[in-house]
Amino acid sequence: MEIREATRADGADIRAVADASLGASYASPLGEDIVDKAADEWYAENRLADRLDADDVQYLVAETDDGNVVGFSESELDGDAAAAIQWLHVHPDARGEGVGVQLLEHTETDLLERGANRVEGRVLAANEPGNEFYQDHGYARTGDRGLDVGDETHTEHLYVKLPEGEEDVELAEQRETDAGTLWVAFDERERGSAAPFYTAYRDEQRTEKYGFYCSNCETADTAMNTMGRVACNNCGNERRETRWDAAYL
């Protein structure tokens, strides 16, 4: 088994793995039509080519000795040196053979070498094997969030893993903002057009949510509409699409 950086030539193989893996993991809780539409949206030839070429996106593939791609990981690095694993897919026919573990280990190593100070993952609660996978490999569950997919709201679990020896790093930091003293949860991140947004709380225990903190201009002067779109009133930073938004929200 070889884990290597993906190229445009791997596009068709990546799409085939994604189709099979999404169907196996999400067709039951979400519906086959939603899963099919997701694959069509995310792994369209032009979009995938753009993702493979992007400097802040990491794509790794797992290739067997006979040249078959049986898995891939897709990750993003943000400006604050956090890295998020967007997807780690293994073809159902290759599951249980250690492919996912090898992919995860190589993904983590590459992300840390590129400057990440932590690696994050998100998994729908309905995907029990996916949640167990992260938990079994040293990821701590840091929170949950509601995610609208189609006409239903699903729970997504948030995970984070810190580099070895940095277990005591505080992921919620106190910040003085235009809205007063807030605790910014750096493990609860939303992608922004200019820089990430982070969930902001009134207390260190995260019991009273305030809203969002814009890391681009370091302000809490943000707003969210009824469709879940976050925007900074100060600098214009806007929440980018999540992995489900493009097809469903």
Protein backbone atom coordinates (compact mmCIF):
# COMPACT_ATOMS: atom_id res chain seq x y z
CA MET A 1 0.00 0.00 0.00
CA GLU A 2 1.31 3.45 -0.94
CA ILE A 3 -0.04 6.72 0.46
CA ARG A 4 0.80 9.57 -1.89
CA GLU A 5 -0.29 13.04 -2.90
CA ALA A 6 -3.20 13.01 -5.33
CA THR A 7 -3.00 14.46 -8.83
CA ARG A 8 -5.59 15.42 -11.42
CA ALA A 9 -5.09 12.00 -13.01
CA ASP A 10 -6.65 10.46 -9.87
CA GLY A 11 -9.92 12.35 -10.33
CA ALA A 12 -12.03 9.47 -11.64
CA ASP A 13 -10.71 7.10 -8.98
CA ILE A 14 -11.39 9.61 -6.21
CA ARG A 15 -14.95 10.04 -7.45
CA ALA A 16 -15.49 6.26 -7.57
CA VAL A 17 -14.26 5.83 -3.99
CA ALA A 18 -16.39 8.76 -2.81
CA ASP A 19 -19.52 7.37 -4.49
CA ALA A 20 -19.11 3.97 -2.86
CA SER A 21 -18.06 5.26 0.55
CA LEU A 22 -20.73 7.94 0.84
CA GLY A 23 -23.36 5.44 -0.15
CA ALA A 24 -22.21 2.90 2.42
CA SER A 25 -21.93 5.42 5.28
CA TYR A 26 -24.71 7.93 4.65
CA ALA A 27 -27.39 6.56 2.31
CA SER A 28 -29.34 5.11 5.22
CA PRO A 29 -29.48 8.14 7.54
CA LEU A 30 -29.63 10.81 4.82
CA GLY A 31 -31.21 9.16 1.80
CA GLU A 32 -29.71 7.96 -1.46
CA ASP A 33 -30.84 11.03 -3.41
CA ILE A 34 -29.01 13.39 -1.06
CA VAL A 35 -25.86 11.27 -1.13
CA ASP A 36 -25.92 11.06 -4.93
CA LYS A 37 -26.40 14.80 -5.23
CA ALA A 38 -23.51 15.41 -2.83
CA ALA A 39 -21.14 13.30 -4.87
CA ASP A 40 -22.22 15.03 -8.09
CA GLU A 41 -21.60 18.43 -6.50
CA TRP A 42 -18.35 17.84 -4.61
CA TYR A 43 -16.57 15.59 -7.09
CA ALA A 44 -17.52 17.23 -10.35
CA GLU A 45 -14.45 17.27 -12.61
CA ASN A 46 -13.86 21.03 -12.55
CA ARG A 47 -14.43 21.46 -8.81
CA LEU A 48 -12.22 18.51 -7.94
CA ALA A 49 -9.46 19.83 -10.21
CA ASP A 50 -9.62 23.20 -8.45
CA ARG A 51 -9.41 21.52 -5.05
CA LEU A 52 -6.44 19.43 -6.10
CA ASP A 53 -4.62 22.57 -7.26
CA ALA A 54 -5.42 24.69 -4.18
CA ASP A 55 -2.51 25.48 -1.88
CA ASP A 56 -4.61 25.24 1.28
CA VAL A 57 -6.10 21.84 0.39
CA GLN A 58 -4.35 18.53 0.93
CA TYR A 59 -5.44 15.44 -1.01
CA LEU A 60 -3.82 12.07 -0.32
CA VAL A 61 -4.75 8.76 -1.94
CA ALA A 62 -4.18 5.19 -0.83
CA GLU A 63 -3.04 3.05 -3.76
CA THR A 64 -2.66 -0.74 -3.71
CA ASP A 65 0.41 -2.50 -5.09
CA ASP A 66 -1.48 -3.21 -8.32
CA GLY A 67 -2.33 0.47 -8.83
CA ASN A 68 -5.91 0.67 -7.55
CA VAL A 69 -6.95 3.73 -5.53
CA VAL A 70 -9.00 2.43 -2.60
CA GLY A 71 -9.14 5.49 -0.34
CA PHE A 72 -8.39 9.19 -0.03
CA SER A 73 -8.33 12.02 2.48
CA GLU A 74 -9.27 15.64 1.82
CA SER A 75 -8.10 18.27 4.31
CA GLU A 76 -7.85 22.03 4.59
CA LEU A 77 -5.43 24.34 6.38
CA ASP A 78 -6.71 27.61 7.78
CA GLY A 79 -4.84 30.82 8.36
CA ASP A 80 -4.52 30.22 12.11
CA ALA A 81 -2.62 26.96 11.50
CA ALA A 82 -5.56 24.71 12.28
CA ALA A 83 -6.19 21.84 9.87
CA ALA A 84 -9.52 20.15 9.27
CA ILE A 85 -10.01 16.73 7.75
CA GLN A 86 -13.03 17.27 5.54
CA TRP A 87 -13.30 13.68 4.39
CA LEU A 88 -11.47 10.40 4.81
CA HIS A 89 -13.03 7.81 2.53
CA VAL A 90 -12.17 4.14 2.10
CA HIS A 91 -13.94 2.01 -0.48
CA PRO A 92 -16.27 -0.44 1.32
CA ASP A 93 -14.50 -3.39 -0.32
CA ALA A 94 -11.21 -2.30 1.29
CA ARG A 95 -12.47 -1.51 4.77
CA GLY A 96 -11.08 -3.49 7.66
CA GLU A 97 -7.65 -3.82 6.03
CA GLY A 98 -5.94 -0.88 7.74
CA VAL A 99 -6.29 1.51 4.81
CA GLY A 100 -8.05 4.16 6.89
CA VAL A 101 -5.44 4.03 9.64
CA GLN A 102 -2.58 4.48 7.17
CA LEU A 103 -4.39 7.35 5.49
CA LEU A 104 -5.09 9.05 8.80
CA GLU A 105 -1.49 8.73 10.02
CA HIS A 106 -0.04 10.11 6.79
CA THR A 107 -2.63 12.89 6.70
CA GLU A 108 -1.81 13.99 10.24
CA THR A 109 1.94 13.90 9.59
CA ASP A 110 1.67 15.94 6.41
CA LEU A 111 -0.63 18.52 7.99
CA LEU A 112 1.64 19.01 10.99
CA GLU A 113 4.66 19.31 8.71
CA ARG A 114 2.83 22.03 6.81
CA GLY A 115 2.43 24.04 10.01
CA ALA A 116 -0.84 22.86 11.55
CA ASN A 117 -0.97 23.13 15.34
CA ARG A 118 -3.92 20.76 15.63
CA VAL A 119 -6.03 18.49 13.43
CA GLU A 120 -9.81 18.60 13.53
CA GLY A 121 -12.47 16.22 12.30
CA ARG A 122 -16.25 16.32 11.96
CA VAL A 123 -18.52 13.32 11.70
CA LEU A 124 -22.30 13.04 11.63
CA ALA A 125 -23.57 11.35 14.77
CA ALA A 126 -25.41 8.82 12.59
CA ASN A 127 -22.07 7.54 11.26
CA GLU A 128 -21.16 5.35 14.24
CA PRO A 129 -18.10 3.69 12.64
CA GLY A 130 -16.74 7.11 11.69
CA ASN A 131 -17.08 8.39 15.24
CA GLU A 132 -15.45 5.28 16.66
CA PHE A 133 -12.60 5.64 14.19
CA TYR A 134 -11.68 9.11 15.42
CA GLN A 135 -12.09 8.16 19.07
CA ASP A 136 -9.91 5.07 18.65
CA HIS A 137 -7.08 7.15 17.18
CA GLY A 138 -6.63 9.80 19.82
CA TYR A 139 -9.22 12.41 18.87
CA ALA A 140 -11.14 14.11 21.66
CA ARG A 141 -14.75 15.04 21.10
CA THR A 142 -15.02 18.75 21.83
CA GLY A 143 -18.60 19.55 20.97
CA ASP A 144 -21.60 19.14 18.70
CA ARG A 145 -23.43 21.30 16.23
CA GLY A 146 -26.68 21.10 14.33
CA LEU A 147 -26.35 20.62 10.59
CA ASP A 148 -29.23 21.11 8.18
CA VAL A 149 -29.19 18.52 5.41
CA GLY A 150 -32.20 18.53 3.15
CA ASP A 151 -35.29 19.09 5.28
CA GLU A 152 -33.80 17.63 8.45
CA THR A 153 -31.33 18.76 11.09
CA HIS A 154 -28.61 16.28 11.98
CA THR A 155 -26.05 16.34 14.77
CA GLU A 156 -22.41 16.55 13.81
CA HIS A 157 -19.72 15.66 16.36
CA LEU A 158 -16.57 17.80 16.49
CA TYR A 159 -13.18 16.23 17.21
CA VAL A 160 -9.67 17.56 17.70
CA LYS A 161 -6.22 16.04 18.08
CA LEU A 162 -3.20 17.98 19.28
CA PRO A 163 0.44 17.16 18.50
CA GLU A 164 2.08 14.81 20.97
CA GLY A 165 3.16 16.64 24.10
CA GLU A 166 0.64 19.47 23.71
CA GLU A 167 -2.31 17.94 25.51
CA ASP A 168 -2.63 20.98 27.78
CA VAL A 169 -3.11 23.53 25.03
CA GLU A 170 -6.18 25.67 25.74
CA LEU A 171 -8.60 25.66 22.85
CA ALA A 172 -10.90 28.25 24.43
CA GLU A 173 -9.14 31.58 24.94
CA GLN A 174 -10.33 34.72 26.67
CA ARG A 175 -10.52 37.73 24.38
CA GLU A 176 -11.48 41.34 24.97
CA THR A 177 -13.84 42.34 22.18
CA ASP A 178 -16.23 45.09 21.22
CA ALA A 179 -18.92 42.97 22.91
CA GLY A 180 -16.96 42.66 26.15
CA THR A 181 -15.01 39.71 27.50
CA LEU A 182 -15.66 36.53 25.53
CA TRP A 183 -14.23 33.03 25.42
CA VAL A 184 -13.37 32.06 21.86
CA ALA A 185 -13.57 28.32 21.11
CA PHE A 186 -10.82 27.67 18.58
CA ASP A 187 -12.01 24.09 18.12
CA GLU A 188 -15.45 25.27 16.92
CA ARG A 189 -14.65 26.79 13.56
CA GLU A 190 -16.61 27.87 10.52
CA ARG A 191 -14.86 28.55 7.22
CA GLY A 192 -14.77 32.20 6.22
CA SER A 193 -14.10 33.89 2.90
CA ALA A 194 -11.14 35.79 4.38
CA ALA A 195 -10.42 33.91 7.63
CA PRO A 196 -12.23 31.50 9.97
CA PHE A 197 -15.08 32.32 12.31
CA TYR A 198 -15.05 30.79 15.81
CA THR A 199 -17.90 30.26 18.24
CA ALA A 200 -17.75 32.80 21.08
CA TYR A 201 -19.10 32.19 24.60
CA ARG A 202 -19.79 34.38 27.59
CA ASP A 203 -18.08 31.92 29.93
CA GLU A 204 -15.10 29.57 29.94
CA GLN A 205 -17.36 26.53 30.44
CA ARG A 206 -19.14 27.27 27.14
CA THR A 207 -22.60 27.27 28.66
CA GLU A 208 -23.71 30.66 27.28
CA LYS A 209 -23.12 31.12 23.58
CA TYR A 210 -22.70 34.70 22.37
CA GLY A 211 -22.24 34.30 18.65
CA PHE A 212 -19.20 34.26 16.40
CA TYR A 213 -15.74 35.80 16.51
CA CYS A 214 -14.14 36.91 13.23
CA SER A 215 -10.45 36.07 13.21
CA ASN A 216 -9.84 38.27 10.18
CA CYS A 217 -10.37 41.53 12.07
CA GLU A 218 -10.58 40.12 15.62
CA THR A 219 -14.07 41.36 16.34
CA ALA A 220 -17.31 39.86 17.60
CA ASP A 221 -19.39 42.25 15.50
CA THR A 222 -20.92 39.46 13.45
CA ALA A 223 -24.41 38.48 12.40
CA MET A 224 -26.11 35.25 11.35
CA ASN A 225 -29.33 35.13 9.37
CA THR A 226 -32.06 32.50 9.53
CA MET A 227 -30.30 30.45 6.85
CA GLY A 228 -27.18 30.11 9.00
CA ARG A 229 -25.05 32.53 6.98
CA VAL A 230 -22.48 34.28 9.15
CA ALA A 231 -21.01 37.63 8.18
CA CYS A 232 -18.68 40.11 9.86
CA ASN A 233 -20.20 43.58 10.00
CA ASN A 234 -16.75 45.11 10.33
CA CYS A 235 -14.64 43.61 7.53
CA GLY A 236 -17.13 41.76 5.31
CA ASN A 237 -15.75 38.29 5.99
CA GLU A 238 -18.48 35.75 5.20
CA ARG A 239 -19.04 32.13 6.12
CA ARG A 240 -18.05 29.89 3.24
CA GLU A 241 -19.99 26.81 2.22
CA THR A 242 -19.63 23.77 4.39
CA ARG A 243 -19.25 20.36 2.81
CA TRP A 244 -23.05 19.95 2.84
CA ASP A 245 -24.09 23.51 1.97
CA ALA A 246 -23.37 23.46 -1.73
CA ALA A 247 -25.92 20.76 -2.39
CA TYR A 248 -28.54 21.22 0.28
CA LEU A 249 -28.80 24.52 2.14
